Protein backbone atom coordinates (compact mmCIF):
# COMPACT_ATOMS: atom_id res chain seq x y z
CA MET A 1 14.81 -69.33 -10.41
CA CYS A 2 17.55 -66.52 -11.97
CA GLN A 3 15.25 -63.55 -13.59
CA MET A 4 16.97 -60.73 -14.86
CA LYS A 5 15.78 -56.75 -14.75
CA ILE A 6 16.94 -55.64 -18.37
CA ILE A 7 18.26 -51.56 -18.46
CA LEU A 8 18.30 -49.43 -21.57
CA LYS A 9 21.23 -47.16 -21.32
CA GLN A 10 21.67 -44.21 -23.39
CA GLY A 11 24.12 -41.82 -22.55
CA ASP A 12 23.55 -41.24 -18.67
CA ARG A 13 19.87 -41.95 -18.39
CA GLU A 14 18.70 -45.54 -17.77
CA GLU A 15 15.03 -46.78 -18.52
CA VAL A 16 14.08 -50.34 -16.82
CA VAL A 17 12.83 -52.37 -19.98
CA LEU A 18 11.75 -55.17 -18.17
CA GLU A 19 11.37 -56.76 -14.54
CA ASN A 20 11.88 -60.25 -14.23
CA ALA A 21 13.11 -61.27 -17.45
CA SER A 22 13.43 -65.27 -17.79
CA ILE A 23 14.27 -65.29 -21.77
CA LEU A 24 16.63 -63.07 -23.79
CA GLU A 25 17.30 -63.35 -27.42
CA VAL A 26 19.58 -61.29 -29.37
CA THR A 27 18.60 -60.81 -33.39
CA ASP A 28 19.31 -58.86 -36.10
CA LYS A 29 16.75 -56.41 -35.39
CA GLY A 30 17.75 -55.78 -31.47
CA VAL A 31 16.89 -57.84 -28.27
CA MET A 32 14.34 -59.29 -27.36
CA VAL A 33 13.23 -60.30 -23.86
CA SER A 34 9.97 -61.82 -22.15
CA ALA A 35 9.31 -62.48 -18.21
CA MET A 36 6.69 -65.33 -17.53
CA PHE A 37 3.01 -64.72 -18.35
CA GLU A 38 4.08 -61.52 -20.25
CA GLN A 39 4.19 -60.86 -23.79
CA PRO A 40 7.90 -60.23 -25.93
CA LYS A 41 9.25 -56.82 -25.79
CA MET A 42 11.46 -56.08 -28.60
CA ILE A 43 14.21 -53.32 -28.00
CA PRO A 44 14.98 -52.35 -31.59
CA GLY A 45 18.28 -51.63 -32.74
CA SER A 46 20.23 -52.66 -29.63
CA GLU A 47 22.50 -54.91 -28.28
CA VAL A 48 23.94 -56.30 -25.02
CA SER A 49 26.54 -54.21 -23.26
CA SER A 50 26.93 -56.10 -20.06
CA ILE A 51 25.18 -58.64 -17.84
CA ASP A 52 25.73 -58.34 -13.99
CA PHE A 53 24.82 -61.93 -12.74
CA LEU A 54 25.72 -60.95 -9.14
CA ASN A 55 23.09 -57.76 -8.89
CA GLY A 56 20.63 -59.55 -11.84
CA ARG A 57 20.85 -56.64 -14.32
CA VAL A 58 20.86 -56.68 -17.75
CA THR A 59 22.52 -53.73 -19.54
CA VAL A 60 21.69 -53.15 -23.58
CA THR A 61 22.60 -49.97 -25.69
CA LYS A 62 21.32 -48.76 -29.19
CA LYS A 63 23.96 -49.62 -31.70
CA LYS A 64 26.05 -47.36 -33.34
CA GLY A 65 24.19 -45.73 -35.79
CA ASN A 66 20.50 -46.42 -34.44
CA THR A 67 18.92 -43.69 -32.44
């Protein structure tokens, strides 16, 4: 199974939002992520900025104009 770590990057700061994410959905409101047996988490006003398949990392950032 390929599960990813979801990282929220704000400037030079990185925060782990979710370990072992199994679902990621981009919506008009932001990025929704979930892991098995956990409630989904919305990262409002965000977008996917990079995916590192080798290291199992998805980096999301706030959209321009959203702080």
